[in-house]
Every structure is written in structure tokens, then in C-alpha cells.
Amino acid sequence: MAKRKLTRRQAWRVKKIQEERTARANKRAGLVDQQISEGKLGNEQVGLVIAHYGSQVDVESTQGVDVGNIVRCHLRTNLDRIVTGDKIIWQAGNPTGVVVSTLPRETELSRPDIYGQLRPIAANIDYIVIVLAPLPEPHAHLIDRYLVAAESVSIKPLILFNKVDLIDDNNRLQIEQLLSIYPKIGYQVLEASTQTMNGLSELKAVLKDHTSVFVGQSGVGKSSLIKALLPGVDIKVGELSERYAEGTHTTTTAKLFHFPDGGDLVDSPGVREFGLWHMEREQVLDGFIEIRPFLGNCKFRNCKHQSEPGCELLAALERGEISERRMASFEAIACSLDSL
């Protein structure tokens, strides 16, 4: 994408804003360092980041007499990017605490920003719950993008088809055909409805004692699901756009909530498409779990798996061990990478 050329006044304005932001950041950093050097902070303790707001985070105390208390904290300078789900070391202050260091992450969920740079959006996640619904209309390529993204970071995906009360004779066959392939290749598929409450008990049982993140297009009902799973939690619910049959974004920052019976849930900002442009063609292919066993067995090392003789993937496709739809999905994703 070509960069738009700024006028002299626009460039001056951008520079001025950046300078002001830098000055504010330096001032905050100076105050934090002063608090630390003067011993005005409490003892170091372990905490959990449950929400992120720019230069501040909400930290839940996970040890000591204050377990469960939530404290707004500044971030100490030179820390790596902190996200919801991070386990950190922090010190209490008056009135704001300070995050002084981070603990190693077990997993990290990231996605590229508009510039193609990978940005973490949640940490220490066990399940990626891919939420679908009759509207906005789900597509195999979008589901497969989420699955590839989950496989690339070794986080277990769960496909959840929400709003099943909206399934009727007009869309039932299409939805059944769309979803039928995933249990056959090893993915768990659940159905749910916040209107009838069907499927919610089974979903809770799967997520119990795990940390999960809901992803999916805006309008599929992620926030409504959380309200149903966690009664009393204040979650904004967006209406579906009648004009475009797409959802309106309601969540602006990732937040972590606790299930009463155990387990955590991260509500992340809705995304209409999970970009994979940071990945190479072979990395994407490795994200298709039923294709993975055949990789590296082709006659030619640089096989593109299109028409080359001795291609193991094409042979598996002919034997029915790989579905044509999933192979077509891979090709579509690969073509989107090649066009960048």
C-alpha cells in the first residue's frame, strides 16, 4: 500500500503530537522511577494482567492477603509489550501501582497490524474459541485462517457455532456442509444459543480450568455469549448492521474474566479477518493438520503441490485422504500471500 504524502502542515502536526506523547511518556517514566528509588512502593508480588489501557493495565493480585484485588498500574520503562493474560511482577503504590517485570509466557496469541507487524493480543491462552453464526455468513476460508493461526502458535482451537436458533430450512444444509469436515480431521465443534441457552453447559465444561479467548467476526455474538456464561458481567452487545449483515465492534480492549467454577475467558476485540500475511506458504500449509503428515515427502524439494510429478499431497488428494475443499482453501490463502 502506497504511503500518502503529507503536507508540510500535516507533517508538522504529526511531529508535534509525537513530541507531546514522548514528553508525557518520559514524565510518567520519571515519576515511576522516582517512586521506585525513594522506596514509595510496596513489596514485589505476582499478579495477572486482566485489561490493558495504553500506558496502564489492570492487575489482579494473585498472592498474599490481597488475592483478587484489582489495581491500576503504570508500566515501568523498557518493558516488552504487555497484554491481557500476562503474569507479571508488580508493586503497589498510592494510588497507582507499577509493573516492574514480566514472567515467561507459555503461549502468545498475535496478529499482524495494518503494517504487517506482529502484535501480541493475549498471553497464556489454552483455547482459541472460533465463534461463528448464521450471520454474518461464515466462510470456510475464514475458519481455516483462524485454524492456521491457532496451529502456528500451538494453541488448541475450538469451533463454536453460535445463534443456532437462527438456523432454518434456508441455511441448514449449507451450515451442515460447512461444519461437517472439521470433526473428521480432529477439531471439536460445539453449538450454542444464548436465546435458548442450549449448548452453554457443554461449552463451560470444556473451558473449565483453562484460559480461553473468543475470536470471530463482529456480530457473531461473542459478547452475548460472555454475558450468558458470566451473569452480572457488564459487556456491551452490538447490534448487527442491517445494511451489510456485519456486526458493529463493541469491545475496544481485551479483558479477562473468571468463570465461577474455574477457568478464565479473554474477550478480545472483534476482527472480520485474521490476517496471515506474516507467514510463508509452507508455514500456512503446516497449519492444515491433515496435510501436515504428507509434507516433506514429495519428489521435488521445491514442490508447489499444484501439478508436479511425484507430489505426495496431490496423491493424498486423489486417494481422498485430503479434502478438495481444504486444499482449495489452502490455495486461496497462499494466493492471497503471493499477491502481497
Foldseek 3Di string as FASTA:
>chain_A
DDDDDDDPVVVVVVVVVVVVVVVVVVVVQVVQVVCVVVVQWADKAKWFFFWDDVQKTWTAGCDDPRHGDIFIAGEHPPADDDEGGWIFIWTQHVPHIYTDYTDDFPWFQWFADPVRDTDTHHTNAQEEEEEAEPFVPDDLLQVLLVLLSCVLGVHAYAYEYEPCVPDDPVCVVVVCVSPVVVVVLPHHYFYAYLVVRPRLVVVCVVQFQGEYEYEYFAPSCPQSSVCSQDPPDDFDHWDQDPVPRGTDWGDDIWGWDAGPRHHIYIYHTYDHHGDDLNDALVSSQCSRPLSVVQPPQAPDVPDPPDDDPRRSSVVCCVVVSDDPVVVVSSVVNNVVNVVD
